[in-house]
Amino acid sequence: MTDGAPALAAASVWILDLDGVLWLAGEPIGDVAGAVAALVARGRRVVFATNNSSPTTAQLTRRLAKVGIDARPDDLVTSARVAASLLEPGQRVHLLAEGGVREALEDRGVQIVHEGPHDAAVVGWSREFDFAALTDISAVARKTGRLIATNGDPTHPTPDGLMPGSGALLAAVATASGVTPEVAGKPHEPMVAYFRTHVLGDGASAVMVGDQPGTDGLLAERLGIPFALVDSGVTAPGAWVDECEVAVRAPDLVTLVAAALA
C-alpha cells in the first residue's frame, strides 16, 4: 500500500464507489461491512456513489444490507438520480435504461413516453438493448437534439471479468444519432455539482475511494479532494495510472480503512 493514509485520516466524509470497491456482482470484497462500521464508529459520514444506474433505491439498500451495511436513501448518490436532475418536471423522454433510471425520472416528475412529442432521449445500461431499441432512441435524440446519459463507463467489473457498460451502449446511440451526449455520472460536471450541493455544501473534508482513475479519480480531482485507489475492481494491481493523482493506493477497502484509522 502506498504511504498516504495520513492524508485520509482527517476526512469527515468518505465517498465510496460500489462495484469494484464494496463488491463484485454482489459478492463482498472482504469484510467491507466491518470497514464501513469502523468509519462510522469514528464519526465519519459514509456516502455511496455509483454510476450503475440499473438498481432502484430499494434494491441498492437491500444489496448493501446483504453485505452487512445499513444505508439510508440519503446515503446514496447515483448516476440515475443525477441524470434525472438534468430534466424539468413535466418534460417527456424516451428511455433506454432499467429500473433505477425509471424511478429517478418518475420521482422528478418526468414523463416516460414511447410516442412523441419528446424533450430528450435518456440512456443508461439496459438488457433490452438491440437494433430496434437503438433505432428508436437514436431517432428521438436526433429529433430533439438532446441525449442524456447516466454514465460513460465502457465496462462493468464482475468476478468473471469485465462486461460491456453503459458507455458502450451510449457510444452506439451517440454515433447513430450524431448528438453529443450530456453525461450525468462520475466524473462529469452534473455529478460534481450534485456532490457540492448535496454532500459537501457545508465545506466538509472528504475522500473519494474508487477502482477507476478515469471516473472516481477524476471526480475527486474536480471536487478538490484526495483519491484513494483500490485494486479490487477494474484497475489491476500494479497497473500504471496517469489519468489523475492518487493520494493512496491499496489492495482493497478493508486494507485502506485499517491503515487510515490506525
Protein backbone atom coordinates (compact mmCIF):
# COMPACT_ATOMS: atom_id res chain seq x y z
CA MET A 1 0.00 0.00 0.00
CA THR A 2 1.29 3.46 -0.86
CA ASP A 3 2.21 5.74 2.04
CA GLY A 4 -0.57 8.29 2.04
CA ALA A 5 -3.05 7.07 4.63
CA PRO A 6 -2.45 10.08 6.93
CA ALA A 7 -3.98 12.29 4.23
CA LEU A 8 -7.25 10.40 4.68
CA ALA A 9 -7.33 10.32 8.47
CA ALA A 10 -8.85 13.80 8.81
CA ALA A 11 -11.56 13.33 6.17
CA SER A 12 -15.03 13.65 7.70
CA VAL A 13 -16.82 12.23 4.62
CA TRP A 14 -15.82 9.04 2.83
CA ILE A 15 -17.33 8.66 -0.64
CA LEU A 16 -17.26 5.01 -1.65
CA ASP A 17 -17.82 3.60 -5.11
CA LEU A 18 -19.76 0.32 -5.08
CA ASP A 19 -18.79 -2.01 -7.93
CA GLY A 20 -15.16 -3.00 -7.54
CA VAL A 21 -14.86 -1.38 -4.09
CA LEU A 22 -17.57 -2.93 -1.91
CA TRP A 23 -18.48 -5.86 -4.10
CA LEU A 24 -18.14 -7.69 -7.39
CA ALA A 25 -21.50 -8.81 -8.77
CA GLY A 26 -22.93 -8.51 -5.26
CA GLU A 27 -20.21 -10.54 -3.56
CA PRO A 28 -18.45 -8.52 -0.84
CA ILE A 29 -14.73 -7.85 -1.25
CA GLY A 30 -13.62 -8.95 2.20
CA ASP A 31 -15.08 -7.54 5.42
CA VAL A 32 -16.41 -4.34 3.86
CA ALA A 33 -19.17 -4.18 6.49
CA GLY A 34 -16.54 -4.06 9.20
CA ALA A 35 -14.62 -1.35 7.35
CA VAL A 36 -17.70 0.85 6.95
CA ALA A 37 -18.69 0.24 10.59
CA ALA A 38 -15.20 1.31 11.70
CA LEU A 39 -15.53 4.58 9.77
CA VAL A 40 -18.96 5.30 11.24
CA ALA A 41 -17.73 4.47 14.74
CA ARG A 42 -15.01 7.11 14.30
CA GLY A 43 -17.61 9.71 13.37
CA ARG A 44 -17.16 9.65 9.60
CA ARG A 45 -20.10 10.02 7.27
CA VAL A 46 -20.10 7.34 4.56
CA VAL A 47 -21.73 8.11 1.20
CA PHE A 48 -22.10 5.53 -1.55
CA ALA A 49 -21.64 6.79 -5.11
CA THR A 50 -22.29 4.69 -8.18
CA ASN A 51 -22.50 5.07 -11.93
CA ASN A 52 -24.59 1.88 -12.04
CA SER A 53 -27.99 3.25 -12.99
CA SER A 54 -29.89 -0.04 -13.12
CA PRO A 55 -30.89 -0.71 -9.46
CA THR A 56 -33.65 1.19 -7.71
CA THR A 57 -33.01 2.84 -4.36
CA ALA A 58 -34.65 -0.08 -2.54
CA GLN A 59 -32.58 -2.60 -4.50
CA LEU A 60 -29.37 -0.76 -3.64
CA THR A 61 -30.16 -0.53 0.05
CA ARG A 62 -31.03 -4.26 0.05
CA ARG A 63 -27.74 -5.08 -1.66
CA LEU A 64 -25.89 -3.06 0.93
CA ALA A 65 -27.83 -4.77 3.73
CA LYS A 66 -26.96 -8.16 2.23
CA VAL A 67 -23.25 -7.43 2.73
CA GLY A 68 -23.92 -6.09 6.24
CA ILE A 69 -24.11 -2.34 5.59
CA ASP A 70 -27.08 -0.29 6.80
CA ALA A 71 -27.69 2.65 4.45
CA ARG A 72 -30.45 5.21 4.02
CA PRO A 73 -31.59 6.59 0.66
CA ASP A 74 -29.85 9.89 1.51
CA ASP A 75 -26.57 7.98 1.73
CA LEU A 76 -26.79 7.09 -1.98
CA VAL A 77 -25.66 9.22 -4.91
CA THR A 78 -26.47 7.52 -8.21
CA SER A 79 -25.97 8.48 -11.83
CA ALA A 80 -29.69 7.81 -12.33
CA ARG A 81 -30.65 10.47 -9.78
CA VAL A 82 -28.21 12.99 -11.23
CA ALA A 83 -29.40 12.31 -14.79
CA ALA A 84 -32.98 12.95 -13.71
CA SER A 85 -31.93 16.27 -12.18
CA LEU A 86 -30.97 17.48 -15.68
CA LEU A 87 -34.64 17.43 -16.70
CA GLU A 88 -37.57 19.51 -15.52
CA PRO A 89 -40.81 18.12 -14.08
CA GLY A 90 -43.35 17.57 -16.83
CA GLN A 91 -40.83 17.02 -19.59
CA ARG A 92 -41.26 13.94 -21.80
CA VAL A 93 -38.48 11.47 -22.59
CA HIS A 94 -37.85 8.28 -24.48
CA LEU A 95 -36.00 5.88 -22.16
CA LEU A 96 -33.49 3.11 -22.78
CA ALA A 97 -32.50 2.11 -19.25
CA GLU A 98 -33.62 0.00 -16.32
CA GLY A 99 -35.48 0.46 -13.04
CA GLY A 100 -33.15 2.87 -11.29
CA VAL A 101 -33.44 5.48 -14.03
CA ARG A 102 -37.18 4.97 -14.37
CA GLU A 103 -37.60 5.50 -10.61
CA ALA A 104 -35.43 8.63 -10.61
CA LEU A 105 -37.29 10.15 -13.55
CA GLU A 106 -40.69 9.41 -12.02
CA ASP A 107 -39.57 10.90 -8.69
CA ARG A 108 -38.53 14.01 -10.60
CA GLY A 109 -41.93 14.22 -12.31
CA VAL A 110 -40.54 13.47 -15.77
CA GLN A 111 -42.87 11.60 -18.13
CA ILE A 112 -41.57 8.45 -19.82
CA VAL A 113 -43.41 8.05 -23.14
CA HIS A 114 -42.97 5.91 -26.24
CA GLU A 115 -44.77 8.24 -28.65
CA GLY A 116 -43.86 11.85 -29.32
CA PRO A 117 -43.53 14.64 -28.74
CA HIS A 118 -40.35 14.21 -26.69
CA ASP A 119 -37.95 16.60 -25.00
CA ALA A 120 -34.98 14.24 -24.79
CA ALA A 121 -33.65 10.72 -25.10
CA VAL A 122 -32.23 9.13 -21.92
CA VAL A 123 -29.74 6.26 -21.99
CA GLY A 124 -28.49 4.02 -19.20
CA TRP A 125 -27.47 0.37 -19.01
CA SER A 126 -30.18 -1.92 -20.35
CA ARG A 127 -30.64 -5.60 -21.10
CA GLU A 128 -33.20 -4.51 -23.73
CA PHE A 129 -30.53 -3.03 -25.98
CA ASP A 130 -30.83 -4.31 -29.54
CA PHE A 131 -31.02 -2.89 -33.06
CA ALA A 132 -34.67 -1.92 -32.72
CA ALA A 133 -34.04 -0.13 -29.42
CA LEU A 134 -31.03 1.62 -30.94
CA THR A 135 -33.10 2.76 -33.90
CA ASP A 136 -35.90 4.17 -31.74
CA ILE A 137 -33.82 6.07 -29.22
CA SER A 138 -31.42 7.40 -31.85
CA ALA A 139 -34.38 8.84 -33.75
CA VAL A 140 -35.63 10.66 -30.63
CA ALA A 141 -32.16 12.01 -29.83
CA ARG A 142 -31.76 13.21 -33.42
CA LYS A 143 -35.18 14.89 -33.47
CA THR A 144 -34.91 16.59 -30.06
CA GLY A 145 -31.19 17.32 -30.23
CA ARG A 146 -30.85 16.20 -26.63
CA LEU A 147 -29.25 12.94 -25.44
CA ILE A 148 -28.85 12.46 -21.68
CA ALA A 149 -26.72 9.56 -20.42
CA THR A 150 -26.34 8.21 -16.92
CA ASN A 151 -22.64 7.50 -17.44
CA GLY A 152 -19.95 6.75 -19.98
CA ASP A 153 -18.32 3.73 -18.33
CA PRO A 154 -17.25 1.38 -21.14
CA THR A 155 -17.13 -1.69 -18.90
CA HIS A 156 -18.54 -3.10 -15.67
CA PRO A 157 -16.46 -5.34 -13.33
CA THR A 158 -17.70 -8.83 -12.41
CA PRO A 159 -15.99 -11.85 -10.80
CA ASP A 160 -15.71 -13.33 -14.31
CA GLY A 161 -14.11 -10.25 -15.81
CA LEU A 162 -15.32 -7.09 -17.49
CA MET A 163 -18.67 -6.86 -19.27
CA PRO A 164 -19.91 -4.01 -21.51
CA GLY A 165 -21.11 -0.99 -19.54
CA SER A 166 -23.47 1.90 -20.23
CA GLY A 167 -20.78 3.73 -22.15
CA ALA A 168 -20.74 1.00 -24.78
CA LEU A 169 -24.48 1.48 -25.37
CA LEU A 170 -24.14 5.26 -25.29
CA ALA A 171 -21.40 5.19 -27.93
CA ALA A 172 -23.75 3.40 -30.32
CA VAL A 173 -26.61 5.86 -29.69
CA ALA A 174 -24.37 8.92 -29.98
CA THR A 175 -22.87 7.60 -33.21
CA ALA A 176 -26.22 6.70 -34.73
CA SER A 177 -27.90 9.97 -33.75
CA GLY A 178 -25.00 12.36 -34.25
CA VAL A 179 -25.92 14.06 -30.95
CA THR A 180 -23.29 14.90 -28.33
CA PRO A 181 -24.48 13.40 -25.03
CA GLU A 182 -24.87 15.15 -21.69
CA VAL A 183 -23.30 12.66 -19.29
CA ALA A 184 -24.51 12.79 -15.68
CA GLY A 185 -22.31 10.36 -13.78
CA LYS A 186 -18.75 10.36 -12.50
CA PRO A 187 -16.59 12.28 -13.33
CA HIS A 188 -18.76 14.74 -15.26
CA GLU A 189 -19.91 18.18 -14.13
CA PRO A 190 -23.50 17.22 -13.20
CA MET A 191 -22.17 14.72 -10.64
CA VAL A 192 -19.58 17.23 -9.41
CA ALA A 193 -22.30 19.86 -8.92
CA TYR A 194 -24.57 17.36 -7.18
CA PHE A 195 -21.88 16.48 -4.65
CA ARG A 196 -21.04 20.11 -3.99
CA THR A 197 -24.68 20.95 -3.38
CA HIS A 198 -25.99 17.88 -1.58
CA VAL A 199 -22.97 16.30 0.14
CA LEU A 200 -20.14 18.81 0.55
CA GLY A 201 -22.14 22.00 0.76
CA ASP A 202 -21.02 22.67 4.33
CA GLY A 203 -17.36 22.54 3.36
CA ALA A 204 -16.81 19.09 4.83
CA SER A 205 -13.45 17.47 4.16
CA ALA A 206 -13.79 14.31 2.11
CA VAL A 207 -12.03 11.46 0.33
CA MET A 208 -13.12 9.51 -2.76
CA VAL A 209 -12.46 5.75 -2.80
CA GLY A 210 -12.77 4.01 -6.14
CA ASP A 211 -11.33 1.46 -8.54
CA GLN A 212 -11.31 3.57 -11.71
CA PRO A 213 -8.94 6.55 -12.03
CA GLY A 214 -10.78 7.80 -15.12
CA THR A 215 -14.10 8.15 -13.26
CA ASP A 216 -13.60 8.03 -9.49
CA GLY A 217 -10.17 9.67 -9.63
CA LEU A 218 -11.21 12.48 -11.93
CA LEU A 219 -14.30 13.13 -9.80
CA ALA A 220 -12.05 13.52 -6.75
CA GLU A 221 -9.77 15.86 -8.70
CA ARG A 222 -12.69 18.04 -9.80
CA LEU A 223 -14.05 18.13 -6.26
CA GLY A 224 -10.61 19.02 -4.92
CA ILE A 225 -10.41 16.03 -2.57
CA PRO A 226 -7.92 13.13 -2.24
CA PHE A 227 -8.41 9.98 -4.32
CA ALA A 228 -7.78 6.55 -2.82
CA LEU A 229 -7.40 3.86 -5.49
CA VAL A 230 -8.19 0.24 -4.65
CA ASP A 231 -7.02 -2.58 -6.91
CA SER A 232 -10.04 -4.79 -6.30
CA GLY A 233 -12.05 -3.80 -9.38
CA VAL A 234 -11.25 -2.50 -12.85
CA THR A 235 -7.67 -1.37 -12.19
CA ALA A 236 -5.26 -4.30 -11.94
CA PRO A 237 -2.68 -4.37 -9.13
CA GLY A 238 0.45 -2.56 -10.22
CA ALA A 239 -1.16 -1.04 -13.31
CA TRP A 240 0.22 2.39 -14.20
CA VAL A 241 -2.14 5.29 -13.51
CA ASP A 242 -1.76 8.59 -15.33
CA GLU A 243 -5.35 9.89 -15.51
CA CYS A 244 -5.21 11.59 -12.11
CA GLU A 245 -3.23 12.00 -8.92
CA VAL A 246 -3.55 9.08 -6.49
CA ALA A 247 -3.14 10.03 -2.81
CA VAL A 248 -3.27 6.45 -1.56
CA ARG A 249 -3.31 3.06 -3.26
CA ALA A 250 -4.36 -0.14 -1.53
CA PRO A 251 -5.37 -3.68 -2.46
CA ASP A 252 -8.92 -3.18 -1.17
CA LEU A 253 -11.17 -1.06 1.03
CA VAL A 254 -10.57 -3.13 4.16
CA THR A 255 -6.81 -2.58 3.95
CA LEU A 256 -7.27 1.10 3.18
CA VAL A 257 -9.57 1.81 6.13
CA ALA A 258 -7.39 -0.14 8.57
CA ALA A 259 -4.36 1.93 7.56
CA ALA A 260 -6.24 5.25 7.59
CA LEU A 261 -7.69 4.70 11.06
CA ALA A 262 -4.59 3.15 12.63
